[in-house]
N, C-alpha and C. Protein backbone atom coordinates (compact mmCIF):
# COMPACT_ATOMS: atom_id res chain seq x y z
N MET A 1 38.83 57.08 -0.24
CA MET A 1 37.98 57.85 0.65
C MET A 1 37.37 59.04 -0.10
N ALA A 2 36.60 59.81 0.58
CA ALA A 2 35.85 60.89 -0.06
C ALA A 2 36.78 61.86 -0.77
N GLY A 3 36.44 62.14 -2.01
CA GLY A 3 37.19 63.11 -2.79
C GLY A 3 38.59 62.67 -3.17
N ALA A 4 38.88 61.38 -3.06
CA ALA A 4 40.23 60.90 -3.31
C ALA A 4 40.46 60.54 -4.78
N GLY A 5 39.99 61.35 -5.69
CA GLY A 5 40.24 61.10 -7.10
C GLY A 5 38.99 60.73 -7.86
N PRO A 6 39.17 60.35 -9.11
CA PRO A 6 38.04 60.12 -9.98
C PRO A 6 37.33 58.79 -9.77
N GLY A 7 37.90 57.88 -9.00
CA GLY A 7 37.29 56.58 -8.77
C GLY A 7 36.22 56.64 -7.69
N GLY A 8 35.68 55.50 -7.39
CA GLY A 8 34.68 55.42 -6.34
C GLY A 8 33.84 54.18 -6.48
N HIS A 9 32.77 54.17 -5.75
CA HIS A 9 31.82 53.06 -5.81
C HIS A 9 30.63 53.50 -6.66
N VAL A 10 30.20 52.62 -7.51
CA VAL A 10 29.02 52.91 -8.31
C VAL A 10 27.90 52.00 -7.82
N HIS A 11 26.73 52.59 -7.61
CA HIS A 11 25.53 51.86 -7.18
C HIS A 11 24.56 51.86 -8.34
N ILE A 12 24.12 50.66 -8.72
CA ILE A 12 23.20 50.52 -9.84
C ILE A 12 21.94 49.82 -9.32
N PRO A 13 20.84 50.56 -9.19
CA PRO A 13 19.60 49.93 -8.73
C PRO A 13 18.87 49.24 -9.88
N TRP A 14 18.41 48.04 -9.63
CA TRP A 14 17.64 47.28 -10.62
C TRP A 14 16.31 46.92 -9.99
N TYR A 15 15.26 46.96 -10.79
CA TYR A 15 13.94 46.54 -10.32
C TYR A 15 13.34 45.61 -11.36
N ALA A 16 13.15 44.35 -10.97
CA ALA A 16 12.66 43.33 -11.90
C ALA A 16 11.20 43.60 -12.27
N THR A 17 10.86 43.24 -13.50
CA THR A 17 9.47 43.35 -13.93
C THR A 17 8.69 42.13 -13.44
N GLY A 18 7.37 42.17 -13.62
CA GLY A 18 6.48 41.13 -13.10
C GLY A 18 6.94 39.72 -13.36
N PHE A 19 7.04 38.95 -12.32
CA PHE A 19 7.41 37.53 -12.34
C PHE A 19 8.82 37.25 -12.85
N ARG A 20 9.67 38.29 -12.96
CA ARG A 20 11.06 38.10 -13.38
C ARG A 20 12.03 38.23 -12.20
N HIS A 21 11.50 38.40 -11.00
CA HIS A 21 12.36 38.65 -9.85
C HIS A 21 13.34 37.52 -9.57
N ASP A 22 12.96 36.28 -9.83
CA ASP A 22 13.88 35.17 -9.61
C ASP A 22 14.79 34.93 -10.81
N THR A 23 14.28 35.13 -12.01
CA THR A 23 15.09 34.85 -13.20
C THR A 23 16.13 35.94 -13.48
N LEU A 24 15.96 37.13 -12.93
CA LEU A 24 16.93 38.20 -13.14
C LEU A 24 18.20 37.99 -12.31
N GLU A 25 18.08 37.29 -11.22
CA GLU A 25 19.20 37.17 -10.27
C GLU A 25 20.47 36.58 -10.90
N ALA A 26 20.39 35.45 -11.56
CA ALA A 26 21.59 34.79 -12.10
C ALA A 26 22.28 35.64 -13.17
N PRO A 27 21.56 36.17 -14.19
CA PRO A 27 22.26 37.00 -15.18
C PRO A 27 22.86 38.27 -14.57
N LEU A 28 22.19 38.83 -13.57
CA LEU A 28 22.71 40.03 -12.92
C LEU A 28 23.99 39.71 -12.15
N ASN A 29 24.02 38.58 -11.48
CA ASN A 29 25.24 38.16 -10.78
C ASN A 29 26.39 37.95 -11.77
N GLU A 30 26.08 37.38 -12.93
CA GLU A 30 27.11 37.14 -13.94
C GLU A 30 27.67 38.44 -14.51
N ILE A 31 26.80 39.38 -14.85
CA ILE A 31 27.30 40.63 -15.44
C ILE A 31 28.03 41.47 -14.39
N ALA A 32 27.65 41.34 -13.14
CA ALA A 32 28.35 42.07 -12.08
C ALA A 32 29.80 41.60 -11.97
N ALA A 33 30.03 40.30 -12.10
CA ALA A 33 31.38 39.74 -12.01
C ALA A 33 32.26 40.19 -13.18
N VAL A 34 31.67 40.49 -14.32
CA VAL A 34 32.43 40.94 -15.49
C VAL A 34 33.15 42.26 -15.19
N ALA A 35 32.68 43.02 -14.23
CA ALA A 35 33.30 44.30 -13.88
C ALA A 35 34.78 44.14 -13.53
N MET A 36 35.14 42.99 -12.99
CA MET A 36 36.53 42.76 -12.60
C MET A 36 37.46 42.77 -13.83
N ARG A 37 36.95 42.38 -14.99
CA ARG A 37 37.75 42.40 -16.22
C ARG A 37 38.02 43.83 -16.68
N TYR A 38 37.23 44.77 -16.20
CA TYR A 38 37.35 46.17 -16.63
C TYR A 38 38.01 47.05 -15.56
N GLY A 39 38.62 46.45 -14.57
CA GLY A 39 39.37 47.23 -13.59
C GLY A 39 38.69 47.42 -12.26
N ALA A 40 37.52 46.84 -12.05
CA ALA A 40 36.88 46.96 -10.74
C ALA A 40 37.71 46.20 -9.71
N THR A 41 37.78 46.73 -8.51
CA THR A 41 38.50 46.05 -7.44
C THR A 41 37.56 45.23 -6.56
N SER A 42 36.26 45.46 -6.70
CA SER A 42 35.28 44.65 -5.98
C SER A 42 33.92 44.84 -6.64
N TYR A 43 33.04 43.89 -6.38
CA TYR A 43 31.67 43.99 -6.85
C TYR A 43 30.77 43.23 -5.88
N ALA A 44 29.50 43.57 -5.88
CA ALA A 44 28.51 42.87 -5.06
C ALA A 44 27.14 43.09 -5.67
N VAL A 45 26.25 42.15 -5.44
CA VAL A 45 24.85 42.30 -5.81
C VAL A 45 24.03 41.98 -4.58
N TYR A 46 23.17 42.90 -4.21
CA TYR A 46 22.28 42.72 -3.05
C TYR A 46 20.85 42.56 -3.54
N ARG A 47 20.12 41.67 -2.89
CA ARG A 47 18.70 41.53 -3.18
C ARG A 47 17.94 41.87 -1.90
N HIS A 48 17.00 42.77 -2.03
CA HIS A 48 16.24 43.22 -0.86
C HIS A 48 15.33 42.12 -0.36
N ARG A 49 15.23 41.99 0.94
CA ARG A 49 14.36 40.97 1.53
C ARG A 49 12.91 41.43 1.60
N ASP A 50 12.70 42.72 1.77
CA ASP A 50 11.33 43.22 1.89
C ASP A 50 10.65 43.42 0.53
N ASP A 51 11.43 43.46 -0.54
CA ASP A 51 10.90 43.60 -1.90
C ASP A 51 11.80 42.77 -2.81
N ARG A 52 11.42 41.53 -3.08
CA ARG A 52 12.24 40.58 -3.80
C ARG A 52 12.48 40.97 -5.27
N TYR A 53 11.81 42.00 -5.75
CA TYR A 53 12.02 42.49 -7.11
C TYR A 53 13.18 43.49 -7.17
N LYS A 54 13.64 43.94 -6.04
CA LYS A 54 14.61 45.04 -5.97
C LYS A 54 16.02 44.51 -5.71
N TYR A 55 16.95 44.93 -6.58
CA TYR A 55 18.37 44.55 -6.48
C TYR A 55 19.22 45.80 -6.45
N LEU A 56 20.40 45.68 -5.87
CA LEU A 56 21.38 46.75 -5.90
C LEU A 56 22.72 46.15 -6.29
N GLN A 57 23.26 46.61 -7.40
CA GLN A 57 24.59 46.20 -7.86
C GLN A 57 25.57 47.28 -7.43
N VAL A 58 26.69 46.87 -6.84
CA VAL A 58 27.71 47.80 -6.37
C VAL A 58 29.05 47.34 -6.92
N ALA A 59 29.84 48.27 -7.42
CA ALA A 59 31.19 47.96 -7.89
C ALA A 59 32.12 49.10 -7.51
N GLU A 60 33.35 48.76 -7.24
CA GLU A 60 34.37 49.76 -6.91
C GLU A 60 35.37 49.84 -8.05
N PHE A 61 35.50 51.03 -8.59
CA PHE A 61 36.43 51.29 -9.68
C PHE A 61 37.41 52.37 -9.26
N GLY A 62 38.67 52.24 -9.64
CA GLY A 62 39.67 53.27 -9.38
C GLY A 62 39.56 54.44 -10.34
N ASP A 63 38.91 54.20 -11.48
CA ASP A 63 38.81 55.23 -12.51
C ASP A 63 37.42 55.14 -13.15
N LYS A 64 36.75 56.27 -13.26
CA LYS A 64 35.41 56.27 -13.84
C LYS A 64 35.42 55.82 -15.30
N MET A 65 36.50 56.07 -15.99
CA MET A 65 36.60 55.65 -17.39
C MET A 65 36.55 54.12 -17.50
N ASP A 66 37.12 53.41 -16.54
CA ASP A 66 37.04 51.95 -16.53
C ASP A 66 35.60 51.50 -16.39
N PHE A 67 34.84 52.19 -15.54
CA PHE A 67 33.42 51.85 -15.41
C PHE A 67 32.68 52.09 -16.72
N GLU A 68 32.97 53.20 -17.37
CA GLU A 68 32.30 53.51 -18.64
C GLU A 68 32.60 52.44 -19.70
N LYS A 69 33.83 51.94 -19.71
CA LYS A 69 34.18 50.86 -20.64
C LYS A 69 33.35 49.61 -20.32
N TYR A 70 33.17 49.33 -19.05
CA TYR A 70 32.35 48.19 -18.62
C TYR A 70 30.88 48.41 -18.98
N TRP A 71 30.34 49.57 -18.63
CA TRP A 71 28.93 49.88 -18.84
C TRP A 71 28.54 49.85 -20.32
N TYR A 72 29.41 50.36 -21.18
CA TYR A 72 29.13 50.42 -22.61
C TYR A 72 29.81 49.31 -23.41
N GLY A 73 30.49 48.39 -22.72
CA GLY A 73 31.21 47.31 -23.37
C GLY A 73 30.28 46.26 -23.97
N PRO A 74 30.85 45.32 -24.70
CA PRO A 74 30.04 44.31 -25.40
C PRO A 74 29.24 43.40 -24.47
N GLU A 75 29.80 43.06 -23.31
CA GLU A 75 29.08 42.16 -22.40
C GLU A 75 27.84 42.83 -21.82
N PHE A 76 28.00 44.08 -21.37
CA PHE A 76 26.85 44.78 -20.77
C PHE A 76 25.84 45.17 -21.83
N SER A 77 26.30 45.48 -23.02
CA SER A 77 25.37 45.78 -24.12
C SER A 77 24.54 44.55 -24.45
N ALA A 78 25.18 43.39 -24.48
CA ALA A 78 24.45 42.14 -24.73
C ALA A 78 23.49 41.84 -23.59
N PHE A 79 23.91 42.08 -22.35
CA PHE A 79 23.03 41.87 -21.20
C PHE A 79 21.76 42.71 -21.34
N ARG A 80 21.94 43.99 -21.65
CA ARG A 80 20.78 44.88 -21.77
C ARG A 80 19.88 44.47 -22.94
N THR A 81 20.46 43.98 -24.02
CA THR A 81 19.66 43.55 -25.17
C THR A 81 18.85 42.29 -24.84
N ILE A 82 19.51 41.31 -24.26
CA ILE A 82 18.86 40.03 -23.97
C ILE A 82 17.82 40.15 -22.86
N HIS A 83 18.13 40.93 -21.83
CA HIS A 83 17.28 40.98 -20.64
C HIS A 83 16.49 42.28 -20.51
N SER A 84 16.34 43.03 -21.59
CA SER A 84 15.71 44.36 -21.51
C SER A 84 14.30 44.34 -20.95
N SER A 85 13.57 43.27 -21.11
CA SER A 85 12.21 43.22 -20.57
C SER A 85 12.16 42.64 -19.16
N TRP A 86 13.30 42.32 -18.60
CA TRP A 86 13.35 41.71 -17.27
C TRP A 86 13.48 42.73 -16.13
N TYR A 87 13.73 44.00 -16.45
CA TYR A 87 13.90 45.03 -15.43
C TYR A 87 13.27 46.33 -15.93
N GLN A 88 12.95 47.18 -14.96
CA GLN A 88 12.33 48.47 -15.30
C GLN A 88 13.40 49.47 -15.71
N VAL A 89 13.05 50.31 -16.65
CA VAL A 89 13.93 51.37 -17.09
C VAL A 89 13.30 52.71 -16.70
N PRO A 90 14.08 53.75 -16.53
CA PRO A 90 15.52 53.79 -16.76
C PRO A 90 16.30 53.20 -15.58
N VAL A 91 17.50 52.75 -15.87
CA VAL A 91 18.45 52.32 -14.84
C VAL A 91 19.45 53.46 -14.70
N VAL A 92 19.43 54.11 -13.56
CA VAL A 92 20.27 55.29 -13.34
C VAL A 92 21.27 54.96 -12.24
N TYR A 93 22.54 54.87 -12.63
CA TYR A 93 23.58 54.56 -11.64
C TYR A 93 24.01 55.83 -10.91
N GLN A 94 24.62 55.63 -9.74
CA GLN A 94 25.10 56.76 -8.92
C GLN A 94 26.51 56.47 -8.46
N TRP A 95 27.36 57.49 -8.53
CA TRP A 95 28.72 57.39 -8.01
C TRP A 95 28.73 57.82 -6.56
N THR A 96 29.42 57.08 -5.72
CA THR A 96 29.53 57.41 -4.30
C THR A 96 30.98 57.31 -3.87
N ASP A 97 31.30 57.99 -2.79
CA ASP A 97 32.61 57.88 -2.15
C ASP A 97 32.41 57.17 -0.82
N LEU A 98 33.23 56.20 -0.54
CA LEU A 98 33.18 55.47 0.71
C LEU A 98 33.78 56.35 1.80
N THR A 99 33.02 56.61 2.85
CA THR A 99 33.53 57.46 3.93
C THR A 99 33.81 56.69 5.21
N ALA A 100 33.28 55.48 5.35
CA ALA A 100 33.58 54.64 6.50
C ALA A 100 33.28 53.19 6.12
N TYR A 101 34.03 52.28 6.70
CA TYR A 101 33.82 50.86 6.45
C TYR A 101 34.41 50.08 7.60
N GLY A 102 33.76 49.05 8.00
CA GLY A 102 34.28 48.17 9.03
C GLY A 102 33.84 46.76 8.75
N ARG A 103 34.62 45.82 9.24
CA ARG A 103 34.29 44.42 9.06
C ARG A 103 34.98 43.63 10.15
N LEU A 104 34.25 42.77 10.77
CA LEU A 104 34.81 41.93 11.81
C LEU A 104 35.90 41.06 11.21
N GLY A 105 37.05 41.02 11.86
CA GLY A 105 38.14 40.20 11.38
C GLY A 105 39.19 40.96 10.60
N GLU A 106 39.03 42.27 10.46
CA GLU A 106 40.03 43.10 9.79
C GLU A 106 40.42 44.23 10.72
N ASP A 107 41.65 44.69 10.59
CA ASP A 107 42.11 45.75 11.48
C ASP A 107 42.06 47.13 10.85
N GLY A 108 41.39 47.29 9.72
CA GLY A 108 41.31 48.58 9.06
C GLY A 108 42.36 48.75 7.98
N ASN A 109 43.41 47.95 8.02
CA ASN A 109 44.45 48.00 7.01
C ASN A 109 44.38 46.78 6.10
N GLY A 110 43.29 46.02 6.20
CA GLY A 110 43.15 44.83 5.38
C GLY A 110 43.85 43.62 5.96
N ASN A 111 44.44 43.77 7.14
CA ASN A 111 45.12 42.65 7.78
C ASN A 111 44.14 41.85 8.60
N GLY A 112 44.30 40.58 8.65
CA GLY A 112 43.39 39.71 9.38
C GLY A 112 43.68 39.71 10.86
N ALA A 113 43.09 40.59 11.60
CA ALA A 113 43.20 40.60 13.05
C ALA A 113 41.90 40.04 13.62
N ASN A 114 41.91 39.71 14.89
CA ASN A 114 40.67 39.23 15.50
C ASN A 114 39.59 40.28 15.39
N GLY A 115 39.93 41.50 15.71
CA GLY A 115 39.03 42.62 15.50
C GLY A 115 37.69 42.53 16.20
N GLY A 116 37.57 41.68 17.19
CA GLY A 116 36.30 41.54 17.90
C GLY A 116 36.01 42.76 18.75
N PRO A 117 34.76 42.93 19.18
CA PRO A 117 34.40 44.09 19.99
C PRO A 117 35.17 44.14 21.30
N GLU A 118 35.49 42.96 21.87
CA GLU A 118 36.24 42.95 23.12
C GLU A 118 37.61 43.56 22.93
N GLU A 119 38.26 43.21 21.82
CA GLU A 119 39.59 43.72 21.53
C GLU A 119 39.55 45.23 21.35
N ALA A 120 38.58 45.73 20.62
CA ALA A 120 38.47 47.17 20.39
C ALA A 120 38.19 47.89 21.70
N SER A 121 37.32 47.34 22.54
CA SER A 121 37.00 47.98 23.81
C SER A 121 38.22 48.04 24.71
N GLU A 122 39.00 46.96 24.77
CA GLU A 122 40.20 46.95 25.60
C GLU A 122 41.19 47.99 25.14
N GLU A 123 41.36 48.14 23.84
CA GLU A 123 42.28 49.15 23.32
C GLU A 123 41.81 50.55 23.70
N LEU A 124 40.51 50.80 23.60
CA LEU A 124 39.96 52.12 23.90
C LEU A 124 40.11 52.43 25.37
N VAL A 125 39.80 51.48 26.23
CA VAL A 125 39.90 51.69 27.67
C VAL A 125 41.35 51.91 28.06
N SER A 126 42.28 51.10 27.55
CA SER A 126 43.66 51.24 27.94
C SER A 126 44.24 52.56 27.44
N ALA A 127 43.77 53.08 26.33
CA ALA A 127 44.27 54.35 25.82
C ALA A 127 43.72 55.53 26.59
N ASP A 128 42.43 55.46 26.97
CA ASP A 128 41.78 56.60 27.64
C ASP A 128 42.01 56.64 29.13
N GLN A 129 42.29 55.50 29.75
CA GLN A 129 42.40 55.47 31.21
C GLN A 129 43.78 55.04 31.65
N SER A 130 44.78 55.56 30.97
CA SER A 130 46.14 55.23 31.37
C SER A 130 46.48 55.98 32.65
N PRO A 131 47.43 55.48 33.46
CA PRO A 131 47.79 56.15 34.71
C PRO A 131 48.26 57.57 34.52
N ASP A 132 48.82 57.89 33.34
CA ASP A 132 49.32 59.24 33.10
C ASP A 132 48.21 60.22 32.73
N ALA A 133 46.98 59.73 32.52
CA ALA A 133 45.90 60.60 32.07
C ALA A 133 45.33 61.44 33.21
N GLY A 134 45.71 61.15 34.44
CA GLY A 134 45.27 61.97 35.57
C GLY A 134 43.83 61.76 35.96
N GLY A 135 43.29 60.60 35.78
CA GLY A 135 41.91 60.45 36.18
C GLY A 135 41.49 59.10 36.01
């Protein structure tokens, strides 16, 4: 969570150059997965629907030094060398802290609960309108 140490989520925006929007996708997906070898606990690559040239790579690292090893490591260096004309530079990453997250099917502790809106509503109503609440 916010301020919980040196780790966090890193967001790396990529913008493909002319006519490279489709060819950049596969190598970007491959290099994103390499983050797991360097200590990332998750990764994702998003492609914008309104601008097919625009990608967002996201990875979660417990330690910023692990990210630096990934970013400057041999795989990412090779990626940048081979694909340097496929995206616009500069590529400026940003560190973020996750302050809220939700997902259907999880109970907030990573356990697989039904977690549907009906279940959440019933819990809220039963907690707020108990007979002892006086109203």
